[in-house]
């Protein structure tokens, strides 16, 4: 996702603003009230329609009790990170070790799948 465009940054800012606002339990109106801006402006930031000044970024971070940089951190997909790490690790090891890992993991995977099936069959 590099280099990032302004559109990318707006999307990340909007997603993170909504995430942290929700975590704090703030509505758009409440957050807007805290930092003395319009609720529509909060909505426009979250949807990527509007950009913000450094002062507004600072006020948002302070109200949400986070560092400014956290508003620009791209969401990391942990599953992708783990999959990439496992794939890299597996590329470097012997096939017999991979087979041993597979045999060790298979029962746990089957058990998890069985639990999920039971859970979803009840709902």
PDB file of N, CA and C in Angstrom:
ATOM      1  N   UNK A   1       0.826  -1.196   0.000  1.00  0.00           N
ATOM      2  CA  UNK A   1       0.000   0.000   0.000  1.00  0.00           C
ATOM      3  C   UNK A   1       0.863   1.251   0.000  1.00  0.00           C
ATOM      4  N   UNK A   2       2.075   1.149  -0.530  1.00  0.00           N
ATOM      5  CA  UNK A   2       2.961   2.297  -0.589  1.00  0.00           C
ATOM      6  C   UNK A   2       3.260   2.625  -2.025  1.00  0.00           C
ATOM      7  N   UNK A   3       3.385   3.848  -2.448  1.00  0.00           N
ATOM      8  CA  UNK A   3       3.188   5.017  -1.602  1.00  0.00           C
ATOM      9  C   UNK A   3       1.701   5.283  -1.380  1.00  0.00           C
ATOM     10  N   UNK A   4       1.399   5.831  -0.224  1.00  0.00           N
ATOM     11  CA  UNK A   4       0.008   6.130   0.108  1.00  0.00           C
ATOM     12  C   UNK A   4      -0.400   7.444  -0.526  1.00  0.00           C
ATOM     13  N   UNK A   5      -1.624   7.460  -0.991  1.00  0.00           N
ATOM     14  CA  UNK A   5      -2.188   8.687  -1.544  1.00  0.00           C
ATOM     15  C   UNK A   5      -2.933   9.429  -0.435  1.00  0.00           C
ATOM     16  N   UNK A   6      -3.319  10.653  -0.732  1.00  0.00           N
ATOM     17  CA  UNK A   6      -4.121  11.406   0.238  1.00  0.00           C
ATOM     18  C   UNK A   6      -5.426  10.675   0.508  1.00  0.00           C
ATOM     19  N   UNK A   7      -5.977  10.077  -0.527  1.00  0.00           N
ATOM     20  CA  UNK A   7      -7.224   9.316  -0.376  1.00  0.00           C
ATOM     21  C   UNK A   7      -7.030   8.144   0.589  1.00  0.00           C
ATOM     22  N   UNK A   8      -5.890   7.454   0.477  1.00  0.00           N
ATOM     23  CA  UNK A   8      -5.577   6.352   1.402  1.00  0.00           C
ATOM     24  C   UNK A   8      -5.508   6.868   2.835  1.00  0.00           C
ATOM     25  N   UNK A   9      -4.808   7.979   3.021  1.00  0.00           N
ATOM     26  CA  UNK A   9      -4.663   8.551   4.370  1.00  0.00           C
ATOM     27  C   UNK A   9      -6.006   8.987   4.938  1.00  0.00           C
ATOM     28  N   UNK A  10      -6.844   9.574   4.094  1.00  0.00           N
ATOM     29  CA  UNK A  10      -8.178   9.977   4.563  1.00  0.00           C
ATOM     30  C   UNK A  10      -8.985   8.766   5.009  1.00  0.00           C
ATOM     31  N   UNK A  11      -8.889   7.681   4.244  1.00  0.00           N
ATOM     32  CA  UNK A  11      -9.637   6.463   4.586  1.00  0.00           C
ATOM     33  C   UNK A  11      -9.136   5.882   5.915  1.00  0.00           C
ATOM     34  N   UNK A  12      -7.829   5.826   6.082  1.00  0.00           N
ATOM     35  CA  UNK A  12      -7.257   5.300   7.330  1.00  0.00           C
ATOM     36  C   UNK A  12      -7.655   6.181   8.502  1.00  0.00           C
ATOM     37  N   UNK A  13      -7.530   7.487   8.332  1.00  0.00           N
ATOM     38  CA  UNK A  13      -7.923   8.427   9.394  1.00  0.00           C
ATOM     39  C   UNK A  13      -9.387   8.228   9.750  1.00  0.00           C
ATOM     40  N   UNK A  14     -10.247   8.134   8.757  1.00  0.00           N
ATOM     41  CA  UNK A  14     -11.682   7.977   9.009  1.00  0.00           C
ATOM     42  C   UNK A  14     -12.000   6.695   9.754  1.00  0.00           C
ATOM     43  N   UNK A  15     -11.399   5.596   9.309  1.00  0.00           N
ATOM     44  CA  UNK A  15     -11.638   4.306   9.972  1.00  0.00           C
ATOM     45  C   UNK A  15     -11.156   4.331  11.422  1.00  0.00           C
ATOM     46  N   UNK A  16      -9.957   4.879  11.620  1.00  0.00           N
ATOM     47  CA  UNK A  16      -9.408   4.900  12.976  1.00  0.00           C
ATOM     48  C   UNK A  16     -10.156   5.862  13.887  1.00  0.00           C
ATOM     49  N   UNK A  17     -10.554   6.997  13.350  1.00  0.00           N
ATOM     50  CA  UNK A  17     -11.331   7.940  14.158  1.00  0.00           C
ATOM     51  C   UNK A  17     -12.616   7.270  14.635  1.00  0.00           C
ATOM     52  N   UNK A  18     -13.303   6.604  13.738  1.00  0.00           N
ATOM     53  CA  UNK A  18     -14.541   5.915  14.116  1.00  0.00           C
ATOM     54  C   UNK A  18     -14.265   4.815  15.139  1.00  0.00           C
ATOM     55  N   UNK A  19     -13.190   4.050  14.923  1.00  0.00           N
ATOM     56  CA  UNK A  19     -12.846   2.958  15.839  1.00  0.00           C
ATOM     57  C   UNK A  19     -12.581   3.494  17.250  1.00  0.00           C
ATOM     58  N   UNK A  20     -11.713   4.495  17.365  1.00  0.00           N
ATOM     59  CA  UNK A  20     -11.372   5.018  18.687  1.00  0.00           C
ATOM     60  C   UNK A  20     -12.543   5.763  19.323  1.00  0.00           C
ATOM     61  N   UNK A  21     -13.334   6.437  18.505  1.00  0.00           N
ATOM     62  CA  UNK A  21     -14.515   7.130  19.032  1.00  0.00           C
ATOM     63  C   UNK A  21     -15.490   6.115  19.615  1.00  0.00           C
ATOM     64  N   UNK A  22     -15.673   5.012  18.902  1.00  0.00           N
ATOM     65  CA  UNK A  22     -16.579   3.954  19.349  1.00  0.00           C
ATOM     66  C   UNK A  22     -16.052   3.296  20.628  1.00  0.00           C
ATOM     67  N   UNK A  23     -14.760   3.054  20.670  1.00  0.00           N
ATOM     68  CA  UNK A  23     -14.147   2.461  21.868  1.00  0.00           C
ATOM     69  C   UNK A  23     -14.398   3.347  23.088  1.00  0.00           C
ATOM     70  N   UNK A  24     -14.289   4.656  22.904  1.00  0.00           N
ATOM     71  CA  UNK A  24     -14.526   5.597  24.010  1.00  0.00           C
ATOM     72  C   UNK A  24     -16.015   5.741  24.333  1.00  0.00           C
ATOM     73  N   UNK A  25     -16.875   5.236  23.464  1.00  0.00           N
ATOM     74  CA  UNK A  25     -18.310   5.342  23.697  1.00  0.00           C
ATOM     75  C   UNK A  25     -18.881   6.694  23.308  1.00  0.00           C
ATOM     76  N   UNK A  26     -18.170   7.419  22.435  1.00  0.00           N
ATOM     77  CA  UNK A  26     -18.626   8.738  22.003  1.00  0.00           C
ATOM     78  C   UNK A  26     -19.429   8.634  20.722  1.00  0.00           C
ATOM     79  N   UNK A  27     -20.526   9.336  20.684  1.00  0.00           N
ATOM     80  CA  UNK A  27     -21.228   9.531  19.411  1.00  0.00           C
ATOM     81  C   UNK A  27     -20.444  10.593  18.634  1.00  0.00           C
ATOM     82  N   UNK A  28     -20.778  10.744  17.370  1.00  0.00           N
ATOM     83  CA  UNK A  28     -20.146  11.830  16.606  1.00  0.00           C
ATOM     84  C   UNK A  28     -20.470  13.174  17.243  1.00  0.00           C
ATOM     85  N   UNK A  29     -21.707  13.320  17.691  1.00  0.00           N
ATOM     86  CA  UNK A  29     -22.130  14.586  18.307  1.00  0.00           C
ATOM     87  C   UNK A  29     -21.359  14.867  19.589  1.00  0.00           C
ATOM     88  N   UNK A  30     -21.148  13.850  20.408  1.00  0.00           N
ATOM     89  CA  UNK A  30     -20.430  14.037  21.679  1.00  0.00           C
ATOM     90  C   UNK A  30     -18.981  14.430  21.427  1.00  0.00           C
ATOM     91  N   UNK A  31     -18.308  13.716  20.489  1.00  0.00           N
ATOM     92  CA  UNK A  31     -16.919  14.058  20.192  1.00  0.00           C
ATOM     93  C   UNK A  31     -16.829  15.462  19.620  1.00  0.00           C
ATOM     94  N   UNK A  32     -17.758  15.810  18.740  1.00  0.00           N
ATOM     95  CA  UNK A  32     -17.779  17.158  18.168  1.00  0.00           C
ATOM     96  C   UNK A  32     -17.946  18.212  19.252  1.00  0.00           C
ATOM     97  N   UNK A  33     -18.808  17.921  20.215  1.00  0.00           N
ATOM     98  CA  UNK A  33     -19.030  18.856  21.325  1.00  0.00           C
ATOM     99  C   UNK A  33     -17.754  19.039  22.146  1.00  0.00           C
ATOM    100  N   UNK A  34     -17.061  17.938  22.411  1.00  0.00           N
ATOM    101  CA  UNK A  34     -15.844  18.001  23.224  1.00  0.00           C
ATOM    102  C   UNK A  34     -14.794  18.897  22.582  1.00  0.00           C
ATOM    103  N   UNK A  35     -14.643  18.798  21.276  1.00  0.00           N
ATOM    104  CA  UNK A  35     -13.579  19.588  20.636  1.00  0.00           C
ATOM    105  C   UNK A  35     -14.121  20.816  19.895  1.00  0.00           C
ATOM    106  N   UNK A  36     -15.409  21.087  20.086  1.00  0.00           N
ATOM    107  CA  UNK A  36     -16.038  22.303  19.578  1.00  0.00           C
ATOM    108  C   UNK A  36     -15.978  22.418  18.050  1.00  0.00           C
ATOM    109  N   UNK A  37     -16.423  21.342  17.387  1.00  0.00           N
ATOM    110  CA  UNK A  37     -16.614  21.391  15.944  1.00  0.00           C
ATOM    111  C   UNK A  37     -17.994  20.807  15.637  1.00  0.00           C
ATOM    112  N   UNK A  38     -18.402  20.851  14.392  1.00  0.00           N
ATOM    113  CA  UNK A  38     -19.735  20.371  14.048  1.00  0.00           C
ATOM    114  C   UNK A  38     -19.746  18.838  13.932  1.00  0.00           C
ATOM    115  N   UNK A  39     -20.840  18.208  14.335  1.00  0.00           N
ATOM    116  CA  UNK A  39     -20.960  16.755  14.170  1.00  0.00           C
ATOM    117  C   UNK A  39     -20.848  16.330  12.697  1.00  0.00           C
ATOM    118  N   UNK A  40     -21.323  17.191  11.797  1.00  0.00           N
ATOM    119  CA  UNK A  40     -21.211  16.882  10.369  1.00  0.00           C
ATOM    120  C   UNK A  40     -19.754  16.806   9.936  1.00  0.00           C
ATOM    121  N   UNK A  41     -18.905  17.630  10.571  1.00  0.00           N
ATOM    122  CA  UNK A  41     -17.474  17.603  10.236  1.00  0.00           C
ATOM    123  C   UNK A  41     -16.859  16.272  10.674  1.00  0.00           C
ATOM    124  N   UNK A  42     -17.255  15.785  11.846  1.00  0.00           N
ATOM    125  CA  UNK A  42     -16.782  14.463  12.301  1.00  0.00           C
ATOM    126  C   UNK A  42     -17.202  13.403  11.281  1.00  0.00           C
ATOM    127  N   UNK A  43     -18.441  13.453  10.851  1.00  0.00           N
ATOM    128  CA  UNK A  43     -18.940  12.505   9.864  1.00  0.00           C
ATOM    129  C   UNK A  43     -18.137  12.596   8.569  1.00  0.00           C
ATOM    130  N   UNK A  44     -17.869  13.810   8.132  1.00  0.00           N
ATOM    131  CA  UNK A  44     -17.114  14.010   6.897  1.00  0.00           C
ATOM    132  C   UNK A  44     -15.675  13.496   7.014  1.00  0.00           C
ATOM    133  N   UNK A  45     -15.078  13.620   8.192  1.00  0.00           N
ATOM    134  CA  UNK A  45     -13.732  13.075   8.410  1.00  0.00           C
ATOM    135  C   UNK A  45     -13.791  11.551   8.329  1.00  0.00           C
ATOM    136  N   UNK A  46     -14.776  10.975   9.010  1.00  0.00           N
ATOM    137  CA  UNK A  46     -14.888   9.521   9.057  1.00  0.00           C
ATOM    138  C   UNK A  46     -15.178   8.915   7.687  1.00  0.00           C
ATOM    139  N   UNK A  47     -15.842   9.644   6.831  1.00  0.00           N
ATOM    140  CA  UNK A  47     -16.142   9.130   5.489  1.00  0.00           C
ATOM    141  C   UNK A  47     -15.102   9.565   4.454  1.00  0.00           C
ATOM    142  N   UNK A  48     -14.093  10.286   4.896  1.00  0.00           N
ATOM    143  CA  UNK A  48     -13.019  10.693   4.000  1.00  0.00           C
ATOM    144  C   UNK A  48     -13.338  11.881   3.125  1.00  0.00           C
ATOM    145  N   UNK A  49     -14.441  12.558   3.401  1.00  0.00           N
ATOM    146  CA  UNK A  49     -14.843  13.705   2.578  1.00  0.00           C
ATOM    147  C   UNK A  49     -14.060  14.967   2.919  1.00  0.00           C
ATOM    148  N   UNK A  50     -13.622  15.069   4.176  1.00  0.00           N
ATOM    149  CA  UNK A  50     -12.917  16.271   4.623  1.00  0.00           C
ATOM    150  C   UNK A  50     -11.575  15.901   5.213  1.00  0.00           C
ATOM    151  N   UNK A  51     -10.646  16.819   5.104  1.00  0.00           N
ATOM    152  CA  UNK A  51      -9.326  16.698   5.684  1.00  0.00           C
ATOM    153  C   UNK A  51      -9.300  17.558   6.928  1.00  0.00           C
ATOM    154  N   UNK A  52      -8.313  17.395   7.774  1.00  0.00           N
ATOM    155  CA  UNK A  52      -8.282  18.119   9.038  1.00  0.00           C
ATOM    156  C   UNK A  52      -6.965  18.865   9.202  1.00  0.00           C
ATOM    157  N   UNK A  53      -7.019  19.901  10.013  1.00  0.00           N
ATOM    158  CA  UNK A  53      -5.807  20.652  10.323  1.00  0.00           C
ATOM    159  C   UNK A  53      -5.020  19.933  11.412  1.00  0.00           C
ATOM    160  N   UNK A  54      -3.797  20.336  11.580  1.00  0.00           N
ATOM    161  CA  UNK A  54      -2.963  19.764  12.649  1.00  0.00           C
ATOM    162  C   UNK A  54      -3.598  20.041  14.004  1.00  0.00           C
ATOM    163  N   UNK A  55      -4.190  21.209  14.171  1.00  0.00           N
ATOM    164  CA  UNK A  55      -4.828  21.554  15.435  1.00  0.00           C
ATOM    165  C   UNK A  55      -6.004  20.624  15.724  1.00  0.00           C
ATOM    166  N   UNK A  56      -6.821  20.362  14.701  1.00  0.00           N
ATOM    167  CA  UNK A  56      -7.973  19.471  14.889  1.00  0.00           C
ATOM    168  C   UNK A  56      -7.497  18.048  15.185  1.00  0.00           C
ATOM    169  N   UNK A  57      -6.445  17.590  14.496  1.00  0.00           N
ATOM    170  CA  UNK A  57      -5.879  16.265  14.787  1.00  0.00           C
ATOM    171  C   UNK A  57      -5.451  16.175  16.244  1.00  0.00           C
ATOM    172  N   UNK A  58      -4.788  17.200  16.712  1.00  0.00           N
ATOM    173  CA  UNK A  58      -4.331  17.235  18.096  1.00  0.00           C
ATOM    174  C   UNK A  58      -5.505  17.183  19.064  1.00  0.00           C
ATOM    175  N   UNK A  59      -6.553  17.940  18.772  1.00  0.00           N
ATOM    176  CA  UNK A  59      -7.740  17.949  19.633  1.00  0.00           C
ATOM    177  C   UNK A  59      -8.436  16.593  19.631  1.00  0.00           C
ATOM    178  N   UNK A  60      -8.537  15.968  18.455  1.00  0.00           N
ATOM    179  CA  UNK A  60      -9.160  14.647  18.365  1.00  0.00           C
ATOM    180  C   UNK A  60      -8.385  13.626  19.197  1.00  0.00           C
ATOM    181  N   UNK A  61      -7.071  13.612  19.022  1.00  0.00           N
ATOM    182  CA  UNK A  61      -6.236  12.659  19.761  1.00  0.00           C
ATOM    183  C   UNK A  61      -6.358  12.889  21.263  1.00  0.00           C
ATOM    184  N   UNK A  62      -6.341  14.137  21.671  1.00  0.00           N
ATOM    185  CA  UNK A  62      -6.455  14.453  23.100  1.00  0.00           C
ATOM    186  C   UNK A  62      -7.806  13.991  23.644  1.00  0.00           C
ATOM    187  N   UNK A  63      -8.874  14.259  22.919  1.00  0.00           N
ATOM    188  CA  UNK A  63     -10.216  13.867  23.372  1.00  0.00           C
ATOM    189  C   UNK A  63     -10.351  12.350  23.449  1.00  0.00           C
ATOM    190  N   UNK A  64      -9.681  11.646  22.531  1.00  0.00           N
ATOM    191  CA  UNK A  64      -9.766  10.187  22.495  1.00  0.00           C
ATOM    192  C   UNK A  64      -8.703   9.515  23.370  1.00  0.00           C
ATOM    193  N   UNK A  65      -7.820  10.359  23.948  1.00  0.00           N
ATOM    194  CA  UNK A  65      -6.731   9.872  24.808  1.00  0.00           C
ATOM    195  C   UNK A  65      -5.821   8.876  24.077  1.00  0.00           C
ATOM    196  N   UNK A  66      -5.423   9.288  22.869  1.00  0.00           N
ATOM    197  CA  UNK A  66      -4.489   8.508  22.058  1.00  0.00           C
ATOM    198  C   UNK A  66      -3.436   9.451  21.492  1.00  0.00           C
ATOM    199  N   UNK A  67      -2.383   8.885  20.945  1.00  0.00           N
ATOM    200  CA  UNK A  67      -1.372   9.673  20.257  1.00  0.00           C
ATOM    201  C   UNK A  67      -1.856   9.941  18.828  1.00  0.00           C
ATOM    202  N   UNK A  68      -1.461  11.064  18.261  1.00  0.00           N
ATOM    203  CA  UNK A  68      -1.908  11.436  16.920  1.00  0.00           C
ATOM    204  C   UNK A  68      -1.575  10.345  15.903  1.00  0.00           C
ATOM    205  N   UNK A  69      -0.378   9.758  16.001  1.00  0.00           N
ATOM    206  CA  UNK A  69       0.025   8.764  15.010  1.00  0.00           C
ATOM    207  C   UNK A  69      -0.938   7.579  14.953  1.00  0.00           C
ATOM    208  N   UNK A  70      -1.644   7.314  16.062  1.00  0.00           N
ATOM    209  CA  UNK A  70      -2.569   6.185  16.083  1.00  0.00           C
ATOM    210  C   UNK A  70      -3.747   6.403  15.127  1.00  0.00           C
ATOM    211  N   UNK A  71      -4.024   7.644  14.817  1.00  0.00           N
ATOM    212  CA  UNK A  71      -5.096   7.935  13.867  1.00  0.00           C
ATOM    213  C   UNK A  71      -4.700   7.592  12.429  1.00  0.00           C
ATOM    214  N   UNK A  72      -3.405   7.379  12.198  1.00  0.00           N
ATOM    215  CA  UNK A  72      -2.914   7.101  10.849  1.00  0.00           C
ATOM    216  C   UNK A  72      -2.312   5.709  10.684  1.00  0.00           C
ATOM    217  N   UNK A  73      -2.438   4.872  11.711  1.00  0.00           N
ATOM    218  CA  UNK A  73      -1.905   3.517  11.608  1.00  0.00           C
ATOM    219  C   UNK A  73      -2.862   2.659  10.795  1.00  0.00           C
ATOM    220  N   UNK A  74      -2.363   2.093   9.680  1.00  0.00           N
ATOM    221  CA  UNK A  74      -3.240   1.211   8.897  1.00  0.00           C
ATOM    222  C   UNK A  74      -3.637  -0.009   9.716  1.00  0.00           C
ATOM    223  N   UNK A  75      -4.839  -0.467   9.510  1.00  0.00           N
ATOM    224  CA  UNK A  75      -5.323  -1.675  10.189  1.00  0.00           C
ATOM    225  C   UNK A  75      -4.473  -2.839   9.714  1.00  0.00           C
ATOM    226  N   UNK A  76      -3.953  -3.582  10.661  1.00  0.00           N
ATOM    227  CA  UNK A  76      -3.147  -4.740  10.297  1.00  0.00           C
ATOM    228  C   UNK A  76      -3.989  -5.986  10.425  1.00  0.00           C
ATOM    229  N   UNK A  77      -3.944  -6.785   9.399  1.00  0.00           N
ATOM    230  CA  UNK A  77      -4.665  -8.032   9.424  1.00  0.00           C
ATOM    231  C   UNK A  77      -3.753  -9.078  10.059  1.00  0.00           C
ATOM    232  N   UNK A  78      -4.018  -9.404  11.319  1.00  0.00           N
ATOM    233  CA  UNK A  78      -3.178 -10.319  12.067  1.00  0.00           C
ATOM    234  C   UNK A  78      -3.097 -11.671  11.373  1.00  0.00           C
ATOM    235  N   UNK A  79      -4.210 -12.128  10.808  1.00  0.00           N
ATOM    236  CA  UNK A  79      -4.207 -13.426  10.125  1.00  0.00           C
ATOM    237  C   UNK A  79      -3.202 -13.417   8.980  1.00  0.00           C
ATOM    238  N   UNK A  80      -3.160 -12.327   8.193  1.00  0.00           N
ATOM    239  CA  UNK A  80      -2.202 -12.237   7.096  1.00  0.00           C
ATOM    240  C   UNK A  80      -0.772 -12.240   7.613  1.00  0.00           C
ATOM    241  N   UNK A  81      -0.529 -11.506   8.709  1.00  0.00           N
ATOM    242  CA  UNK A  81       0.805 -11.459   9.294  1.00  0.00           C
ATOM    243  C   UNK A  81       1.255 -12.836   9.759  1.00  0.00           C
ATOM    244  N   UNK A  82       0.368 -13.555  10.430  1.00  0.00           N
ATOM    245  CA  UNK A  82       0.693 -14.886  10.933  1.00  0.00           C
ATOM    246  C   UNK A  82       0.913 -15.842   9.767  1.00  0.00           C
ATOM    247  N   UNK A  83       0.039 -15.788   8.778  1.00  0.00           N
ATOM    248  CA  UNK A  83       0.181 -16.666   7.616  1.00  0.00           C
ATOM    249  C   UNK A  83       1.505 -16.438   6.906  1.00  0.00           C
ATOM    250  N   UNK A  84       1.887 -15.177   6.745  1.00  0.00           N
ATOM    251  CA  UNK A  84       3.154 -14.867   6.080  1.00  0.00           C
ATOM    252  C   UNK A  84       4.337 -15.389   6.891  1.00  0.00           C
ATOM    253  N   UNK A  85       4.279 -15.230   8.223  1.00  0.00           N
ATOM    254  CA  UNK A  85       5.364 -15.704   9.080  1.00  0.00           C
ATOM    255  C   UNK A  85       5.468 -17.220   9.032  1.00  0.00           C
ATOM    256  N   UNK A  86       4.337 -17.902   9.071  1.00  0.00           N
ATOM    257  CA  UNK A  86       4.344 -19.368   9.016  1.00  0.00           C
ATOM    258  C   UNK A  86       4.864 -19.834   7.661  1.00  0.00           C
ATOM    259  N   UNK A  87       4.407 -19.211   6.583  1.00  0.00           N
ATOM    260  CA  UNK A  87       4.865 -19.600   5.247  1.00  0.00           C
ATOM    261  C   UNK A  87       6.370 -19.417   5.112  1.00  0.00           C
ATOM    262  N   UNK A  88       6.889 -18.310   5.632  1.00  0.00           N
ATOM    263  CA  UNK A  88       8.339 -18.064   5.575  1.00  0.00           C
ATOM    264  C   UNK A  88       9.076 -19.129   6.375  1.00  0.00           C
ATOM    265  N   UNK A  89       8.573 -19.443   7.544  1.00  0.00           N
ATOM    266  CA  UNK A  89       9.192 -20.455   8.385  1.00  0.00           C
ATOM    267  C   UNK A  89       9.171 -21.818   7.688  1.00  0.00           C
ATOM    268  N   UNK A  90       8.033 -22.176   7.111  1.00  0.00           N
ATOM    269  CA  UNK A  90       7.894 -23.482   6.472  1.00  0.00           C
ATOM    270  C   UNK A  90       8.770 -23.615   5.236  1.00  0.00           C
ATOM    271  N   UNK A  91       9.031 -22.493   4.551  1.00  0.00           N
ATOM    272  CA  UNK A  91       9.916 -22.537   3.381  1.00  0.00           C
ATOM    273  C   UNK A  91      11.324 -22.977   3.752  1.00  0.00           C
ATOM    274  N   UNK A  92      11.709 -22.709   4.985  1.00  0.00           N
ATOM    275  CA  UNK A  92      13.084 -22.964   5.421  1.00  0.00           C
ATOM    276  C   UNK A  92      13.278 -24.292   6.140  1.00  0.00           C
ATOM    277  N   UNK A  93      12.232 -25.103   6.262  1.00  0.00           N
ATOM    278  CA  UNK A  93      12.407 -26.346   7.012  1.00  0.00           C
ATOM    279  C   UNK A  93      12.155 -27.575   6.150  1.00  0.00           C
ATOM    280  N   UNK A  94      12.604 -28.673   6.647  1.00  0.00           N
ATOM    281  CA  UNK A  94      12.543 -29.956   5.976  1.00  0.00           C
ATOM    282  C   UNK A  94      11.103 -30.468   5.869  1.00  0.00           C
ATOM    283  N   UNK A  95      10.792 -31.175   4.782  1.00  0.00           N
ATOM    284  CA  UNK A  95       9.440 -31.709   4.567  1.00  0.00           C
ATOM    285  C   UNK A  95       8.996 -32.654   5.685  1.00  0.00           C
ATOM    286  N   UNK A  96       9.912 -33.410   6.270  1.00  0.00           N
ATOM    287  CA  UNK A  96       9.524 -34.339   7.344  1.00  0.00           C
ATOM    288  C   UNK A  96       9.062 -33.568   8.587  1.00  0.00           C
ATOM    289  N   UNK A  97       9.667 -32.419   8.827  1.00  0.00           N
ATOM    290  CA  UNK A  97       9.250 -31.590   9.962  1.00  0.00           C
ATOM    291  C   UNK A  97       7.865 -31.012   9.689  1.00  0.00           C
ATOM    292  N   UNK A  98       7.622 -30.597   8.454  1.00  0.00           N
ATOM    293  CA  UNK A  98       6.299 -30.074   8.090  1.00  0.00           C
ATOM    294  C   UNK A  98       5.243 -31.142   8.308  1.00  0.00           C
ATOM    295  N   UNK A  99       5.538 -32.374   7.904  1.00  0.00           N
ATOM    296  CA  UNK A  99       4.597 -33.476   8.092  1.00  0.00           C
ATOM    297  C   UNK A  99       4.324 -33.698   9.583  1.00  0.00           C
ATOM    298  N   UNK A 100       5.349 -33.611  10.412  1.00  0.00           N
ATOM    299  CA  UNK A 100       5.175 -33.764  11.869  1.00  0.00           C
ATOM    300  C   UNK A 100       4.293 -32.654  12.441  1.00  0.00           C
ATOM    301  N   UNK A 101       4.517 -31.433  11.963  1.00  0.00           N
ATOM    302  CA  UNK A 101       3.706 -30.295  12.422  1.00  0.00           C
ATOM    303  C   UNK A 101       2.251 -30.522  12.021  1.00  0.00           C
ATOM    304  N   UNK A 102       2.042 -30.934  10.783  1.00  0.00           N
ATOM    305  CA  UNK A 102       0.686 -31.186  10.290  1.00  0.00           C
ATOM    306  C   UNK A 102      -0.014 -32.249  11.132  1.00  0.00           C
ATOM    307  N   UNK A 103       0.680 -33.310  11.447  1.00  0.00           N
ATOM    308  CA  UNK A 103       0.094 -34.388  12.256  1.00  0.00           C
ATOM    309  C   UNK A 103      -0.229 -33.910  13.674  1.00  0.00           C
ATOM    310  N   UNK A 104       0.602 -33.024  14.208  1.00  0.00           N
ATOM    311  CA  UNK A 104       0.366 -32.515  15.555  1.00  0.00           C
ATOM    312  C   UNK A 104      -0.809 -31.535  15.590  1.00  0.00           C
ATOM    313  N   UNK A 105      -0.971 -30.769  14.532  1.00  0.00           N
ATOM    314  CA  UNK A 105      -1.986 -29.717  14.497  1.00  0.00           C
ATOM    315  C   UNK A 105      -3.357 -30.251  14.084  1.00  0.00           C
ATOM    316  N   UNK A 106      -3.383 -31.265  13.249  1.00  0.00           N
ATOM    317  CA  UNK A 106      -4.643 -31.781  12.695  1.00  0.00           C
ATOM    318  C   UNK A 106      -5.704 -32.064  13.757  1.00  0.00           C
ATOM    319  N   UNK A 107      -5.403 -32.763  14.879  1.00  0.00           N
ATOM    320  CA  UNK A 107      -6.452 -33.017  15.881  1.00  0.00           C
ATOM    321  C   UNK A 107      -7.040 -31.735  16.486  1.00  0.00           C
ATOM    322  N   UNK A 108      -6.190 -30.744  16.722  1.00  0.00           N
ATOM    323  CA  UNK A 108      -6.689 -29.484  17.287  1.00  0.00           C
ATOM    324  C   UNK A 108      -7.604 -28.772  16.299  1.00  0.00           C
ATOM    325  N   UNK A 109      -7.246 -28.804  15.024  1.00  0.00           N
ATOM    326  CA  UNK A 109      -8.073 -28.168  14.000  1.00  0.00           C
ATOM    327  C   UNK A 109      -9.421 -28.880  13.901  1.00  0.00           C
ATOM    328  N   UNK A 110      -9.397 -30.203  13.895  1.00  0.00           N
ATOM    329  CA  UNK A 110     -10.650 -30.965  13.833  1.00  0.00           C
ATOM    330  C   UNK A 110     -11.541 -30.657  15.030  1.00  0.00           C
ATOM    331  N   UNK A 111     -10.935 -30.566  16.209  1.00  0.00           N
ATOM    332  CA  UNK A 111     -11.703 -30.264  17.420  1.00  0.00           C
ATOM    333  C   UNK A 111     -12.349 -28.874  17.309  1.00  0.00           C
ATOM    334  N   UNK A 112     -11.588 -27.911  16.834  1.00  0.00           N
ATOM    335  CA  UNK A 112     -12.119 -26.549  16.681  1.00  0.00           C
ATOM    336  C   UNK A 112     -13.258 -26.507  15.679  1.00  0.00           C
ATOM    337  N   UNK A 113     -13.096 -27.203  14.563  1.00  0.00           N
ATOM    338  CA  UNK A 113     -14.147 -27.240  13.549  1.00  0.00           C
ATOM    339  C   UNK A 113     -15.403 -27.893  14.115  1.00  0.00           C
ATOM    340  N   UNK A 114     -15.224 -28.959  14.875  1.00  0.00           N
ATOM    341  CA  UNK A 114     -16.360 -29.636  15.483  1.00  0.00           C
ATOM    342  C   UNK A 114     -17.104 -28.703  16.444  1.00  0.00           C
ATOM    343  N   UNK A 115     -16.361 -27.959  17.257  1.00  0.00           N
ATOM    344  CA  UNK A 115     -16.982 -27.000  18.185  1.00  0.00           C
ATOM    345  C   UNK A 115     -17.754 -25.926  17.423  1.00  0.00           C
ATOM    346  N   UNK A 116     -17.159 -25.417  16.349  1.00  0.00           N
ATOM    347  CA  UNK A 116     -17.835 -24.381  15.558  1.00  0.00           C
ATOM    348  C   UNK A 116     -19.113 -24.921  14.943  1.00  0.00           C
ATOM    349  N   UNK A 117     -19.064 -26.136  14.428  1.00  0.00           N
ATOM    350  CA  UNK A 117     -20.270 -26.730  13.835  1.00  0.00           C
ATOM    351  C   UNK A 117     -21.373 -26.874  14.868  1.00  0.00           C
ATOM    352  N   UNK A 118     -21.022 -27.334  16.076  1.00  0.00           N
ATOM    353  CA  UNK A 118     -22.030 -27.470  17.134  1.00  0.00           C
ATOM    354  C   UNK A 118     -22.605 -26.118  17.502  1.00  0.00           C
ATOM    355  N   UNK A 119     -21.738 -25.115  17.628  1.00  0.00           N
ATOM    356  CA  UNK A 119     -22.190 -23.788  17.999  1.00  0.00           C
ATOM    357  C   UNK A 119     -23.140 -23.231  16.939  1.00  0.00           C
ATOM    358  N   UNK A 120     -22.757 -23.295  15.680  1.00  0.00           N
ATOM    359  CA  UNK A 120     -23.576 -22.714  14.630  1.00  0.00           C
ATOM    360  C   UNK A 120     -24.832 -23.517  14.323  1.00  0.00           C
ATOM    361  N   UNK A 121     -24.826 -24.792  14.648  1.00  0.00           N
ATOM    362  CA  UNK A 121     -26.044 -25.566  14.423  1.00  0.00           C
ATOM    363  C   UNK A 121     -27.117 -25.207  15.465  1.00  0.00           C
ATOM    364  N   UNK A 122     -26.702 -24.642  16.604  1.00  0.00           N
ATOM    365  CA  UNK A 122     -27.650 -24.222  17.646  1.00  0.00           C
ATOM    366  C   UNK A 122     -28.248 -22.858  17.352  1.00  0.00           C
ATOM    367  N   UNK A 123     -27.561 -22.057  16.548  1.00  0.00           N
ATOM    368  CA  UNK A 123     -28.029 -20.680  16.291  1.00  0.00           C
ATOM    369  C   UNK A 123     -28.880 -20.588  15.063  1.00  0.00           C
TER     370      UNK A 123
END
